[in-house]
């Protein structure tokens, strides 16, 4: 995570690697041996940034020249720092790295970032001059480079306010899960956050404050978890359909034909006894054409006849029971014709 460079600040020279701040608590003539030992005292971060704003850019960022206090709520002060080209940065200085204090710092950084967006440059310059106690051009001309231009500074300041993307520097002595969570929250609001550590050493009446860019390994895990929560569930993939094997035209033509014997491959080339060149190979015999026999369709079974319907009884009873005489049975003897008498014994 690097500090975002506003337009116009890329050409500004940065500080060399290994730069630090120091102050003398007592004077001793002559040379003295310095053995830096981690101090047990706590650094006043607000006083350090206001007195030496260059501390914020000793890790290679654009050189900051002025810093003023914008908000001071309990143990969560927030400052605004400007560089030679008019770039604006917000600096959070939590005095305690607890969940409550870091929550207040993150909230103040978001609120001030919204208030500074598109603020008139004259109004913001008045805020800087009130905090510095002197004119802005007079203050910066004594600290900036010789080729510093007030017109370019005013133009860069206006552009930075119009853009509204203010990099955030979070000064912390160490990292913990609450610090990582606060950084992830600020980055989720599209802010460039740079955690800057502060190390204090003391030896022979000399205090040395060294900036240290904190490489937070856990930050990637937190960001990955946040992206996993926010990512929508993807739809299940469609079912895979088996691909049909594509047959060549020759294979399609051979469907239904009897299996043919495998064709032998070409014989190895033999060398002629009187020459080193191989003997010419005979052309491979062409396979006999395969006759296609039509396959007769299987006969379909004849449909079974439907059963005959039974007659419906109408309630009548034939024969004697119906009151009718049955017709006489025919006789085997010849019947007499009309006008003839029947034979005797048959009268």
C-alpha atoms as a PDB file:
ATOM      1  CA  UNK A   1       0.000   0.000   0.000  1.00  0.00           C
ATOM      2  CA  UNK A   2       1.594   3.236  -1.121  1.00  0.00           C
ATOM      3  CA  UNK A   3       0.604   6.794  -0.520  1.00  0.00           C
ATOM      4  CA  UNK A   4      -1.331   8.144  -3.461  1.00  0.00           C
ATOM      5  CA  UNK A   5       0.578  10.942  -5.192  1.00  0.00           C
ATOM      6  CA  UNK A   6      -1.575  13.945  -6.178  1.00  0.00           C
ATOM      7  CA  UNK A   7      -1.101  15.559  -9.542  1.00  0.00           C
ATOM      8  CA  UNK A   8       1.973  17.742  -9.565  1.00  0.00           C
ATOM      9  CA  UNK A   9       3.779  15.917  -6.763  1.00  0.00           C
ATOM     10  CA  UNK A  10       5.538  13.257  -8.824  1.00  0.00           C
ATOM     11  CA  UNK A  11       8.356  15.647  -9.737  1.00  0.00           C
ATOM     12  CA  UNK A  12       9.065  16.540  -6.104  1.00  0.00           C
ATOM     13  CA  UNK A  13      12.180  14.902  -4.703  1.00  0.00           C
ATOM     14  CA  UNK A  14      11.621  12.514  -1.794  1.00  0.00           C
ATOM     15  CA  UNK A  15      13.717  11.822   1.243  1.00  0.00           C
ATOM     16  CA  UNK A  16      16.604   9.348   1.128  1.00  0.00           C
ATOM     17  CA  UNK A  17      16.088   5.909   2.625  1.00  0.00           C
ATOM     18  CA  UNK A  18      16.894   5.650   6.315  1.00  0.00           C
ATOM     19  CA  UNK A  19      15.969   9.249   7.196  1.00  0.00           C
ATOM     20  CA  UNK A  20      14.802   9.896  10.761  1.00  0.00           C
ATOM     21  CA  UNK A  21      14.067  12.702  13.228  1.00  0.00           C
ATOM     22  CA  UNK A  22      15.963  13.428  16.455  1.00  0.00           C
ATOM     23  CA  UNK A  23      16.171  15.999  19.226  1.00  0.00           C
ATOM     24  CA  UNK A  24      18.768  16.754  21.894  1.00  0.00           C
ATOM     25  CA  UNK A  25      17.639  16.714  25.481  1.00  0.00           C
ATOM     26  CA  UNK A  26      21.081  17.784  26.782  1.00  0.00           C
ATOM     27  CA  UNK A  27      24.254  19.126  25.216  1.00  0.00           C
ATOM     28  CA  UNK A  28      27.624  17.479  25.645  1.00  0.00           C
ATOM     29  CA  UNK A  29      30.755  18.846  24.037  1.00  0.00           C
ATOM     30  CA  UNK A  30      32.864  16.494  21.974  1.00  0.00           C
ATOM     31  CA  UNK A  31      32.037  13.188  20.407  1.00  0.00           C
ATOM     32  CA  UNK A  32      29.640  10.804  22.098  1.00  0.00           C
ATOM     33  CA  UNK A  33      28.847   7.136  21.565  1.00  0.00           C
ATOM     34  CA  UNK A  34      25.261   6.487  20.557  1.00  0.00           C
ATOM     35  CA  UNK A  35      23.762   3.077  21.280  1.00  0.00           C
ATOM     36  CA  UNK A  36      20.120   3.308  20.201  1.00  0.00           C
ATOM     37  CA  UNK A  37      17.947   1.591  22.793  1.00  0.00           C
ATOM     38  CA  UNK A  38      14.159   1.377  22.460  1.00  0.00           C
ATOM     39  CA  UNK A  39      12.772   4.097  24.685  1.00  0.00           C
ATOM     40  CA  UNK A  40      10.111   3.383  27.264  1.00  0.00           C
ATOM     41  CA  UNK A  41       8.439   6.738  26.782  1.00  0.00           C
ATOM     42  CA  UNK A  42       5.521   7.382  24.401  1.00  0.00           C
ATOM     43  CA  UNK A  43       5.823   9.739  21.472  1.00  0.00           C
ATOM     44  CA  UNK A  44       3.333  12.595  21.181  1.00  0.00           C
ATOM     45  CA  UNK A  45       2.288  11.889  17.587  1.00  0.00           C
ATOM     46  CA  UNK A  46       0.318  15.113  17.127  1.00  0.00           C
ATOM     47  CA  UNK A  47       3.236  17.271  18.275  1.00  0.00           C
ATOM     48  CA  UNK A  48       5.651  15.256  16.106  1.00  0.00           C
ATOM     49  CA  UNK A  49       3.584  15.745  12.918  1.00  0.00           C
ATOM     50  CA  UNK A  50       2.898  19.437  13.569  1.00  0.00           C
ATOM     51  CA  UNK A  51       6.534  20.275  14.330  1.00  0.00           C
ATOM     52  CA  UNK A  52       8.099  18.006  11.712  1.00  0.00           C
ATOM     53  CA  UNK A  53       5.521  17.200   8.948  1.00  0.00           C
ATOM     54  CA  UNK A  54       8.417  15.884   6.842  1.00  0.00           C
ATOM     55  CA  UNK A  55       8.268  12.763   9.034  1.00  0.00           C
ATOM     56  CA  UNK A  56       5.236  11.597   7.018  1.00  0.00           C
ATOM     57  CA  UNK A  57       7.215  11.509   3.764  1.00  0.00           C
ATOM     58  CA  UNK A  58      10.522  10.039   4.941  1.00  0.00           C
ATOM     59  CA  UNK A  59       9.560   6.632   3.551  1.00  0.00           C
ATOM     60  CA  UNK A  60       9.656   7.945  -0.024  1.00  0.00           C
ATOM     61  CA  UNK A  61       6.384   9.842  -0.443  1.00  0.00           C
ATOM     62  CA  UNK A  62       6.034  13.457  -1.592  1.00  0.00           C
ATOM     63  CA  UNK A  63       7.608  15.829   0.962  1.00  0.00           C
ATOM     64  CA  UNK A  64       5.023  17.277   3.351  1.00  0.00           C
ATOM     65  CA  UNK A  65       5.652  20.867   4.506  1.00  0.00           C
ATOM     66  CA  UNK A  66       2.752  21.821   6.784  1.00  0.00           C
ATOM     67  CA  UNK A  67       0.271  20.021   9.031  1.00  0.00           C
ATOM     68  CA  UNK A  68      -2.634  21.374  11.105  1.00  0.00           C
ATOM     69  CA  UNK A  69      -5.090  19.766  13.496  1.00  0.00           C
ATOM     70  CA  UNK A  70      -8.587  19.340  12.041  1.00  0.00           C
ATOM     71  CA  UNK A  71     -10.356  17.215  14.657  1.00  0.00           C
ATOM     72  CA  UNK A  72      -9.552  16.255  18.217  1.00  0.00           C
ATOM     73  CA  UNK A  73     -12.088  13.919  19.786  1.00  0.00           C
ATOM     74  CA  UNK A  74     -10.671  12.355  22.899  1.00  0.00           C
ATOM     75  CA  UNK A  75      -7.905   9.960  21.928  1.00  0.00           C
ATOM     76  CA  UNK A  76      -8.537  10.084  18.168  1.00  0.00           C
ATOM     77  CA  UNK A  77      -7.018  13.286  16.681  1.00  0.00           C
ATOM     78  CA  UNK A  78      -6.906  13.791  12.904  1.00  0.00           C
ATOM     79  CA  UNK A  79      -4.610  16.208  11.033  1.00  0.00           C
ATOM     80  CA  UNK A  80      -4.350  17.509   7.476  1.00  0.00           C
ATOM     81  CA  UNK A  81      -0.929  17.724   5.806  1.00  0.00           C
ATOM     82  CA  UNK A  82       0.026  19.460   2.538  1.00  0.00           C
ATOM     83  CA  UNK A  83       3.067  19.010   0.335  1.00  0.00           C
ATOM     84  CA  UNK A  84       4.941  21.406  -1.975  1.00  0.00           C
ATOM     85  CA  UNK A  85       2.599  20.777  -4.913  1.00  0.00           C
ATOM     86  CA  UNK A  86      -0.661  21.287  -3.001  1.00  0.00           C
ATOM     87  CA  UNK A  87      -1.442  17.613  -2.359  1.00  0.00           C
ATOM     88  CA  UNK A  88      -3.538  16.992   0.760  1.00  0.00           C
ATOM     89  CA  UNK A  89      -3.265  13.984   3.064  1.00  0.00           C
ATOM     90  CA  UNK A  90      -5.272  13.052   6.177  1.00  0.00           C
ATOM     91  CA  UNK A  91      -3.337  11.741   9.171  1.00  0.00           C
ATOM     92  CA  UNK A  92      -4.910   9.637  11.932  1.00  0.00           C
ATOM     93  CA  UNK A  93      -3.037   9.567  15.256  1.00  0.00           C
ATOM     94  CA  UNK A  94      -4.776   7.158  17.661  1.00  0.00           C
ATOM     95  CA  UNK A  95      -3.248   7.329  21.103  1.00  0.00           C
ATOM     96  CA  UNK A  96      -4.481   3.815  21.913  1.00  0.00           C
ATOM     97  CA  UNK A  97      -4.882   0.915  19.542  1.00  0.00           C
ATOM     98  CA  UNK A  98      -8.208  -0.271  20.920  1.00  0.00           C
ATOM     99  CA  UNK A  99     -11.393  -1.063  19.062  1.00  0.00           C
ATOM    100  CA  UNK A 100     -13.250   2.017  20.320  1.00  0.00           C
ATOM    101  CA  UNK A 101     -10.447   4.510  19.587  1.00  0.00           C
ATOM    102  CA  UNK A 102      -9.785   3.099  16.119  1.00  0.00           C
ATOM    103  CA  UNK A 103     -13.505   3.231  15.351  1.00  0.00           C
ATOM    104  CA  UNK A 104     -13.598   6.952  16.201  1.00  0.00           C
ATOM    105  CA  UNK A 105     -10.474   7.619  14.110  1.00  0.00           C
ATOM    106  CA  UNK A 106     -11.910   5.807  11.087  1.00  0.00           C
ATOM    107  CA  UNK A 107     -15.209   7.660  11.417  1.00  0.00           C
ATOM    108  CA  UNK A 108     -13.489  11.045  11.648  1.00  0.00           C
ATOM    109  CA  UNK A 109     -11.320  10.302   8.621  1.00  0.00           C
ATOM    110  CA  UNK A 110     -14.408   9.476   6.547  1.00  0.00           C
ATOM    111  CA  UNK A 111     -16.295  12.573   7.751  1.00  0.00           C
ATOM    112  CA  UNK A 112     -13.398  14.962   7.094  1.00  0.00           C
ATOM    113  CA  UNK A 113     -12.778  13.416   3.678  1.00  0.00           C
ATOM    114  CA  UNK A 114     -16.359  14.271   2.752  1.00  0.00           C
ATOM    115  CA  UNK A 115     -16.134  17.809   4.163  1.00  0.00           C
ATOM    116  CA  UNK A 116     -12.953  18.670   2.286  1.00  0.00           C
ATOM    117  CA  UNK A 117     -14.330  17.446  -1.041  1.00  0.00           C
ATOM    118  CA  UNK A 118     -14.886  20.485  -3.314  1.00  0.00           C
ATOM    119  CA  UNK A 119     -14.177  22.925  -0.499  1.00  0.00           C
ATOM    120  CA  UNK A 120     -13.128  26.353  -1.869  1.00  0.00           C
ATOM    121  CA  UNK A 121      -9.316  26.682  -1.818  1.00  0.00           C
ATOM    122  CA  UNK A 122      -9.589  30.027  -0.037  1.00  0.00           C
ATOM    123  CA  UNK A 123     -11.532  28.434   2.840  1.00  0.00           C
ATOM    124  CA  UNK A 124      -9.041  25.601   3.231  1.00  0.00           C
ATOM    125  CA  UNK A 125      -6.099  28.045   3.068  1.00  0.00           C
ATOM    126  CA  UNK A 126      -7.722  30.001   5.909  1.00  0.00           C
ATOM    127  CA  UNK A 127      -7.882  26.784   7.984  1.00  0.00           C
ATOM    128  CA  UNK A 128      -4.181  26.157   7.339  1.00  0.00           C
ATOM    129  CA  UNK A 129      -3.134  29.713   8.174  1.00  0.00           C
ATOM    130  CA  UNK A 130      -5.146  29.627  11.409  1.00  0.00           C
ATOM    131  CA  UNK A 131      -3.414  26.441  12.510  1.00  0.00           C
ATOM    132  CA  UNK A 132       0.053  27.639  11.455  1.00  0.00           C
ATOM    133  CA  UNK A 133      -0.359  31.105  12.960  1.00  0.00           C
ATOM    134  CA  UNK A 134       1.087  32.809   9.873  1.00  0.00           C
ATOM    135  CA  UNK A 135       0.521  33.250   6.147  1.00  0.00           C
ATOM    136  CA  UNK A 136       0.604  30.080   4.078  1.00  0.00           C
ATOM    137  CA  UNK A 137       2.856  31.436   1.325  1.00  0.00           C
ATOM    138  CA  UNK A 138       5.275  32.894   3.864  1.00  0.00           C
ATOM    139  CA  UNK A 139       5.402  29.630   5.819  1.00  0.00           C
ATOM    140  CA  UNK A 140       5.968  27.396   2.792  1.00  0.00           C
ATOM    141  CA  UNK A 141       8.479  29.644   1.057  1.00  0.00           C
ATOM    142  CA  UNK A 142      10.875  29.227   3.975  1.00  0.00           C
ATOM    143  CA  UNK A 143      10.660  25.405   3.960  1.00  0.00           C
ATOM    144  CA  UNK A 144      10.092  24.434   0.326  1.00  0.00           C
ATOM    145  CA  UNK A 145      12.673  24.123  -2.414  1.00  0.00           C
ATOM    146  CA  UNK A 146      14.087  27.185  -4.150  1.00  0.00           C
ATOM    147  CA  UNK A 147      12.068  26.590  -7.314  1.00  0.00           C
ATOM    148  CA  UNK A 148       8.791  26.431  -5.360  1.00  0.00           C
ATOM    149  CA  UNK A 149       5.975  28.416  -7.016  1.00  0.00           C
ATOM    150  CA  UNK A 150       2.992  29.739  -5.085  1.00  0.00           C
ATOM    151  CA  UNK A 151       0.852  29.720  -8.263  1.00  0.00           C
ATOM    152  CA  UNK A 152       1.571  26.036  -8.878  1.00  0.00           C
ATOM    153  CA  UNK A 153       0.838  25.289  -5.217  1.00  0.00           C
ATOM    154  CA  UNK A 154      -2.543  27.053  -5.403  1.00  0.00           C
ATOM    155  CA  UNK A 155      -3.436  25.185  -8.604  1.00  0.00           C
ATOM    156  CA  UNK A 156      -2.484  21.824  -7.083  1.00  0.00           C
ATOM    157  CA  UNK A 157      -4.450  22.627  -3.922  1.00  0.00           C
ATOM    158  CA  UNK A 158      -7.559  23.438  -5.963  1.00  0.00           C
ATOM    159  CA  UNK A 159      -7.215  20.246  -7.992  1.00  0.00           C
ATOM    160  CA  UNK A 160      -6.753  18.092  -4.879  1.00  0.00           C
ATOM    161  CA  UNK A 161      -9.879  19.563  -3.261  1.00  0.00           C
ATOM    162  CA  UNK A 162     -11.899  19.129  -6.449  1.00  0.00           C
ATOM    163  CA  UNK A 163     -10.850  15.523  -6.839  1.00  0.00           C
ATOM    164  CA  UNK A 164     -11.650  14.591  -3.231  1.00  0.00           C
ATOM    165  CA  UNK A 165      -9.353  11.553  -3.076  1.00  0.00           C
ATOM    166  CA  UNK A 166      -7.257  12.271   0.007  1.00  0.00           C
ATOM    167  CA  UNK A 167      -4.664   9.619   0.965  1.00  0.00           C
ATOM    168  CA  UNK A 168      -4.779   8.482   4.588  1.00  0.00           C
ATOM    169  CA  UNK A 169      -1.743   7.938   6.809  1.00  0.00           C
ATOM    170  CA  UNK A 170      -2.429   5.963   9.984  1.00  0.00           C
ATOM    171  CA  UNK A 171       0.315   6.425  12.601  1.00  0.00           C
ATOM    172  CA  UNK A 172       0.501   3.357  14.844  1.00  0.00           C
ATOM    173  CA  UNK A 173       3.253   1.909  17.002  1.00  0.00           C
ATOM    174  CA  UNK A 174       2.268  -1.684  16.224  1.00  0.00           C
ATOM    175  CA  UNK A 175      -0.398  -3.729  14.494  1.00  0.00           C
ATOM    176  CA  UNK A 176      -3.173  -5.875  15.890  1.00  0.00           C
ATOM    177  CA  UNK A 177      -6.455  -7.302  14.565  1.00  0.00           C
ATOM    178  CA  UNK A 178      -8.298  -4.058  15.402  1.00  0.00           C
ATOM    179  CA  UNK A 179      -5.807  -2.007  13.358  1.00  0.00           C
ATOM    180  CA  UNK A 180      -6.158  -4.379  10.403  1.00  0.00           C
ATOM    181  CA  UNK A 181      -9.944  -4.219  10.615  1.00  0.00           C
ATOM    182  CA  UNK A 182      -9.885  -0.405  10.653  1.00  0.00           C
ATOM    183  CA  UNK A 183      -7.616  -0.336   7.574  1.00  0.00           C
ATOM    184  CA  UNK A 184      -9.879  -2.749   5.703  1.00  0.00           C
ATOM    185  CA  UNK A 185     -12.907  -0.614   6.566  1.00  0.00           C
ATOM    186  CA  UNK A 186     -11.253   2.539   5.231  1.00  0.00           C
ATOM    187  CA  UNK A 187     -10.110   0.772   2.068  1.00  0.00           C
ATOM    188  CA  UNK A 188     -13.665  -0.452   1.479  1.00  0.00           C
ATOM    189  CA  UNK A 189     -14.623   3.249   1.082  1.00  0.00           C
ATOM    190  CA  UNK A 190     -12.117   3.606  -1.773  1.00  0.00           C
ATOM    191  CA  UNK A 191      -9.454   5.354   0.315  1.00  0.00           C
ATOM    192  CA  UNK A 192      -5.710   4.779  -0.074  1.00  0.00           C
ATOM    193  CA  UNK A 193      -4.475   3.863   3.415  1.00  0.00           C
ATOM    194  CA  UNK A 194      -0.823   3.676   4.471  1.00  0.00           C
ATOM    195  CA  UNK A 195      -0.066   2.413   7.990  1.00  0.00           C
ATOM    196  CA  UNK A 196       3.115   4.066   9.244  1.00  0.00           C
ATOM    197  CA  UNK A 197       4.887   2.764  12.305  1.00  0.00           C
ATOM    198  CA  UNK A 198       6.811   4.897  14.806  1.00  0.00           C
ATOM    199  CA  UNK A 199       9.910   3.635  16.602  1.00  0.00           C
ATOM    200  CA  UNK A 200      11.541   5.661  19.368  1.00  0.00           C
ATOM    201  CA  UNK A 201      15.156   5.194  20.501  1.00  0.00           C
ATOM    202  CA  UNK A 202      17.101   7.039  23.184  1.00  0.00           C
ATOM    203  CA  UNK A 203      20.799   7.191  24.009  1.00  0.00           C
ATOM    204  CA  UNK A 204      22.992   9.711  25.820  1.00  0.00           C
ATOM    205  CA  UNK A 205      20.328  12.390  25.899  1.00  0.00           C
ATOM    206  CA  UNK A 206      19.376  11.973  22.230  1.00  0.00           C
ATOM    207  CA  UNK A 207      15.948  10.790  21.116  1.00  0.00           C
ATOM    208  CA  UNK A 208      15.566   9.328  17.646  1.00  0.00           C
ATOM    209  CA  UNK A 209      12.217   8.682  15.959  1.00  0.00           C
ATOM    210  CA  UNK A 210      12.356   6.357  12.948  1.00  0.00           C
ATOM    211  CA  UNK A 211       9.417   5.874  10.536  1.00  0.00           C
ATOM    212  CA  UNK A 212       8.656   2.313   9.536  1.00  0.00           C
ATOM    213  CA  UNK A 213       6.262   1.199   6.829  1.00  0.00           C
ATOM    214  CA  UNK A 214       4.226  -1.643   8.282  1.00  0.00           C
ATOM    215  CA  UNK A 215       3.784  -4.690   6.076  1.00  0.00           C
ATOM    216  CA  UNK A 216       0.597  -6.282   7.345  1.00  0.00           C
ATOM    217  CA  UNK A 217       0.479  -9.896   6.220  1.00  0.00           C
ATOM    218  CA  UNK A 218      -2.982 -10.396   7.697  1.00  0.00           C
ATOM    219  CA  UNK A 219      -4.415  -7.618   5.535  1.00  0.00           C
ATOM    220  CA  UNK A 220      -4.715  -9.898   2.509  1.00  0.00           C
ATOM    221  CA  UNK A 221      -6.627 -12.470   4.570  1.00  0.00           C
ATOM    222  CA  UNK A 222      -9.069  -9.839   5.809  1.00  0.00           C
ATOM    223  CA  UNK A 223      -9.583  -8.426   2.318  1.00  0.00           C
ATOM    224  CA  UNK A 224     -10.134 -11.912   0.922  1.00  0.00           C
ATOM    225  CA  UNK A 225     -12.755 -12.612   3.578  1.00  0.00           C
ATOM    226  CA  UNK A 226     -14.556  -9.351   2.818  1.00  0.00           C
ATOM    227  CA  UNK A 227     -14.606 -10.099  -0.917  1.00  0.00           C
ATOM    228  CA  UNK A 228     -15.883 -13.621  -0.257  1.00  0.00           C
ATOM    229  CA  UNK A 229     -18.780 -12.263   1.801  1.00  0.00           C
ATOM    230  CA  UNK A 230     -19.682  -9.637  -0.786  1.00  0.00           C
ATOM    231  CA  UNK A 231     -19.377 -11.904  -3.831  1.00  0.00           C
ATOM    232  CA  UNK A 232     -22.775 -13.266  -5.020  1.00  0.00           C
ATOM    233  CA  UNK A 233     -23.270 -16.953  -5.373  1.00  0.00           C
ATOM    234  CA  UNK A 234     -22.710 -18.159  -8.880  1.00  0.00           C
ATOM    235  CA  UNK A 235     -25.355 -20.230 -10.653  1.00  0.00           C
ATOM    236  CA  UNK A 236     -24.681 -23.978 -10.864  1.00  0.00           C
ATOM    237  CA  UNK A 237     -23.111 -25.045 -14.153  1.00  0.00           C
ATOM    238  CA  UNK A 238     -25.495 -26.611 -16.701  1.00  0.00           C
ATOM    239  CA  UNK A 239     -25.488 -30.414 -16.906  1.00  0.00           C
ATOM    240  CA  UNK A 240     -22.995 -31.772 -19.348  1.00  0.00           C
ATOM    241  CA  UNK A 241     -24.449 -33.665 -22.282  1.00  0.00           C
ATOM    242  CA  UNK A 242     -22.426 -36.568 -23.654  1.00  0.00           C
ATOM    243  CA  UNK A 243     -20.921 -35.783 -27.001  1.00  0.00           C
ATOM    244  CA  UNK A 244     -21.908 -38.040 -29.856  1.00  0.00           C
ATOM    245  CA  UNK A 245     -19.075 -39.712 -31.656  1.00  0.00           C
ATOM    246  CA  UNK A 246     -18.797 -38.474 -35.209  1.00  0.00           C
ATOM    247  CA  UNK A 247     -18.313 -41.223 -37.831  1.00  0.00           C
ATOM    248  CA  UNK A 248     -16.698 -40.748 -41.187  1.00  0.00           C
ATOM    249  CA  UNK A 249     -18.577 -41.369 -44.413  1.00  0.00           C
ATOM    250  CA  UNK A 250     -16.670 -44.640 -44.943  1.00  0.00           C
ATOM    251  CA  UNK A 251     -17.661 -45.869 -41.492  1.00  0.00           C
ATOM    252  CA  UNK A 252     -21.283 -44.955 -42.119  1.00  0.00           C
ATOM    253  CA  UNK A 253     -21.230 -46.864 -45.439  1.00  0.00           C
ATOM    254  CA  UNK A 254     -19.850 -50.006 -43.759  1.00  0.00           C
ATOM    255  CA  UNK A 255     -22.641 -50.179 -41.205  1.00  0.00           C
ATOM    256  CA  UNK A 256     -24.428 -53.529 -41.579  1.00  0.00           C
ATOM    257  CA  UNK A 257     -21.705 -55.098 -43.756  1.00  0.00           C
ATOM    258  CA  UNK A 258     -19.885 -58.267 -42.623  1.00  0.00           C
ATOM    259  CA  UNK A 259     -16.660 -57.744 -40.800  1.00  0.00           C
ATOM    260  CA  UNK A 260     -13.743 -57.814 -43.214  1.00  0.00           C
ATOM    261  CA  UNK A 261     -10.368 -59.254 -42.424  1.00  0.00           C
ATOM    262  CA  UNK A 262      -7.695 -56.758 -41.378  1.00  0.00           C
ATOM    263  CA  UNK A 263      -5.622 -55.493 -44.276  1.00  0.00           C
ATOM    264  CA  UNK A 264      -1.882 -56.168 -43.962  1.00  0.00           C
ATOM    265  CA  UNK A 265       0.354 -53.114 -43.873  1.00  0.00           C
ATOM    266  CA  UNK A 266       2.993 -52.346 -46.486  1.00  0.00           C
ATOM    267  CA  UNK A 267       6.039 -54.622 -46.471  1.00  0.00           C
ATOM    268  CA  UNK A 268       9.334 -53.076 -45.341  1.00  0.00           C
ATOM    269  CA  UNK A 269      11.452 -51.660 -48.134  1.00  0.00           C
ATOM    270  CA  UNK A 270      14.292 -53.886 -49.314  1.00  0.00           C
ATOM    271  CA  UNK A 271      17.533 -52.604 -50.743  1.00  0.00           C
ATOM    272  CA  UNK A 272      18.600 -53.717 -54.157  1.00  0.00           C
ATOM    273  CA  UNK A 273      21.888 -55.745 -54.070  1.00  0.00           C
ATOM    274  CA  UNK A 274      23.557 -53.539 -56.713  1.00  0.00           C
ATOM    275  CA  UNK A 275      22.428 -50.176 -55.333  1.00  0.00           C
ATOM    276  CA  UNK A 276      22.179 -48.350 -52.023  1.00  0.00           C
ATOM    277  CA  UNK A 277      18.768 -47.060 -52.937  1.00  0.00           C
ATOM    278  CA  UNK A 278      15.775 -48.980 -51.633  1.00  0.00           C
ATOM    279  CA  UNK A 279      13.793 -50.973 -54.112  1.00  0.00           C
ATOM    280  CA  UNK A 280      10.611 -49.347 -55.362  1.00  0.00           C
ATOM    281  CA  UNK A 281       7.633 -50.416 -53.396  1.00  0.00           C
ATOM    282  CA  UNK A 282       4.622 -51.868 -55.072  1.00  0.00           C
ATOM    283  CA  UNK A 283       1.440 -49.993 -54.657  1.00  0.00           C
ATOM    284  CA  UNK A 284      -0.720 -51.346 -51.899  1.00  0.00           C
ATOM    285  CA  UNK A 285      -3.698 -53.328 -53.250  1.00  0.00           C
ATOM    286  CA  UNK A 286      -6.934 -51.485 -53.120  1.00  0.00           C
ATOM    287  CA  UNK A 287      -9.526 -53.076 -50.871  1.00  0.00           C
ATOM    288  CA  UNK A 288     -12.436 -54.737 -52.656  1.00  0.00           C
ATOM    289  CA  UNK A 289     -15.558 -52.609 -52.649  1.00  0.00           C
ATOM    290  CA  UNK A 290     -18.048 -53.612 -50.048  1.00  0.00           C
ATOM    291  CA  UNK A 291     -21.527 -54.295 -51.286  1.00  0.00           C
ATOM    292  CA  UNK A 292     -24.265 -52.721 -49.283  1.00  0.00           C
ATOM    293  CA  UNK A 293     -27.092 -55.147 -48.610  1.00  0.00           C
ATOM    294  CA  UNK A 294     -30.419 -53.719 -47.665  1.00  0.00           C
ATOM    295  CA  UNK A 295     -31.592 -54.922 -44.349  1.00  0.00           C
ATOM    296  CA  UNK A 296     -35.176 -56.189 -44.482  1.00  0.00           C
ATOM    297  CA  UNK A 297     -37.430 -54.813 -41.871  1.00  0.00           C
ATOM    298  CA  UNK A 298     -38.880 -57.277 -39.411  1.00  0.00           C
ATOM    299  CA  UNK A 299     -42.558 -58.167 -40.151  1.00  0.00           C
ATOM    300  CA  UNK A 300     -44.986 -56.616 -37.810  1.00  0.00           C
ATOM    301  CA  UNK A 301     -47.393 -59.052 -36.046  1.00  0.00           C
ATOM    302  CA  UNK A 302     -50.991 -59.035 -37.344  1.00  0.00           C
ATOM    303  CA  UNK A 303     -53.464 -57.390 -35.034  1.00  0.00           C
ATOM    304  CA  UNK A 304     -55.737 -59.719 -33.089  1.00  0.00           C
ATOM    305  CA  UNK A 305     -59.472 -59.696 -34.150  1.00  0.00           C
ATOM    306  CA  UNK A 306     -61.787 -58.025 -31.736  1.00  0.00           C
ATOM    307  CA  UNK A 307     -64.167 -60.437 -29.861  1.00  0.00           C
ATOM    308  CA  UNK A 308     -67.746 -60.653 -31.278  1.00  0.00           C
ATOM    309  CA  UNK A 309     -70.365 -58.792 -29.317  1.00  0.00           C
ATOM    310  CA  UNK A 310     -72.997 -60.873 -27.574  1.00  0.00           C
ATOM    311  CA  UNK A 311     -76.664 -60.290 -28.676  1.00  0.00           C
ATOM    312  CA  UNK A 312     -78.802 -58.349 -26.274  1.00  0.00           C
ATOM    313  CA  UNK A 313     -81.901 -60.243 -24.906  1.00  0.00           C
ATOM    314  CA  UNK A 314     -85.122 -58.416 -25.703  1.00  0.00           C
ATOM    315  CA  UNK A 315     -87.243 -60.279 -23.102  1.00  0.00           C
ATOM    316  CA  UNK A 316     -89.114 -62.590 -25.529  1.00  0.00           C
ATOM    317  CA  UNK A 317     -89.197 -66.434 -25.098  1.00  0.00           C
ATOM    318  CA  UNK A 318     -89.434 -68.542 -28.261  1.00  0.00           C
ATOM    319  CA  UNK A 319     -91.369 -71.801 -28.464  1.00  0.00           C
ATOM    320  CA  UNK A 320     -94.351 -72.871 -26.388  1.00  0.00           C
ATOM    321  CA  UNK A 321     -93.655 -70.520 -23.611  1.00  0.00           C
ATOM    322  CA  UNK A 322     -94.194 -67.637 -26.023  1.00  0.00           C
ATOM    323  CA  UNK A 323     -97.674 -68.984 -27.068  1.00  0.00           C
ATOM    324  CA  UNK A 324     -96.653 -70.190 -30.500  1.00  0.00           C
ATOM    325  CA  UNK A 325     -96.701 -73.695 -31.926  1.00  0.00           C
ATOM    326  CA  UNK A 326     -93.522 -75.009 -33.286  1.00  0.00           C
ATOM    327  CA  UNK A 327     -93.638 -75.762 -37.010  1.00  0.00           C
ATOM    328  CA  UNK A 328     -94.371 -79.386 -37.942  1.00  0.00           C
ATOM    329  CA  UNK A 329     -91.465 -81.629 -38.536  1.00  0.00           C
ATOM    330  CA  UNK A 330     -91.046 -82.762 -42.114  1.00  0.00           C
ATOM    331  CA  UNK A 331     -91.956 -86.460 -42.847  1.00  0.00           C
ATOM    332  CA  UNK A 332     -89.888 -88.887 -44.808  1.00  0.00           C
ATOM    333  CA  UNK A 333     -92.944 -90.277 -46.662  1.00  0.00           C
ATOM    334  CA  UNK A 334     -94.149 -88.631 -49.823  1.00  0.00           C
ATOM    335  CA  UNK A 335     -97.032 -86.320 -49.368  1.00  0.00           C
ATOM    336  CA  UNK A 336    -100.196 -86.803 -51.533  1.00  0.00           C
ATOM    337  CA  UNK A 337    -100.923 -84.270 -54.105  1.00  0.00           C
ATOM    338  CA  UNK A 338    -104.058 -82.305 -54.149  1.00  0.00           C
ATOM    339  CA  UNK A 339    -106.997 -84.389 -55.298  1.00  0.00           C
ATOM    340  CA  UNK A 340    -105.342 -87.699 -54.421  1.00  0.00           C
ATOM    341  CA  UNK A 341    -106.410 -89.833 -51.562  1.00  0.00           C
ATOM    342  CA  UNK A 342    -103.919 -90.759 -48.968  1.00  0.00           C
ATOM    343  CA  UNK A 343    -102.861 -94.359 -48.791  1.00  0.00           C
ATOM    344  CA  UNK A 344    -104.602 -96.718 -46.492  1.00  0.00           C
ATOM    345  CA  UNK A 345    -103.589 -96.712 -42.909  1.00  0.00           C
ATOM    346  CA  UNK A 346    -102.624 -93.069 -43.145  1.00  0.00           C
ATOM    347  CA  UNK A 347    -106.010 -91.552 -43.017  1.00  0.00           C
END
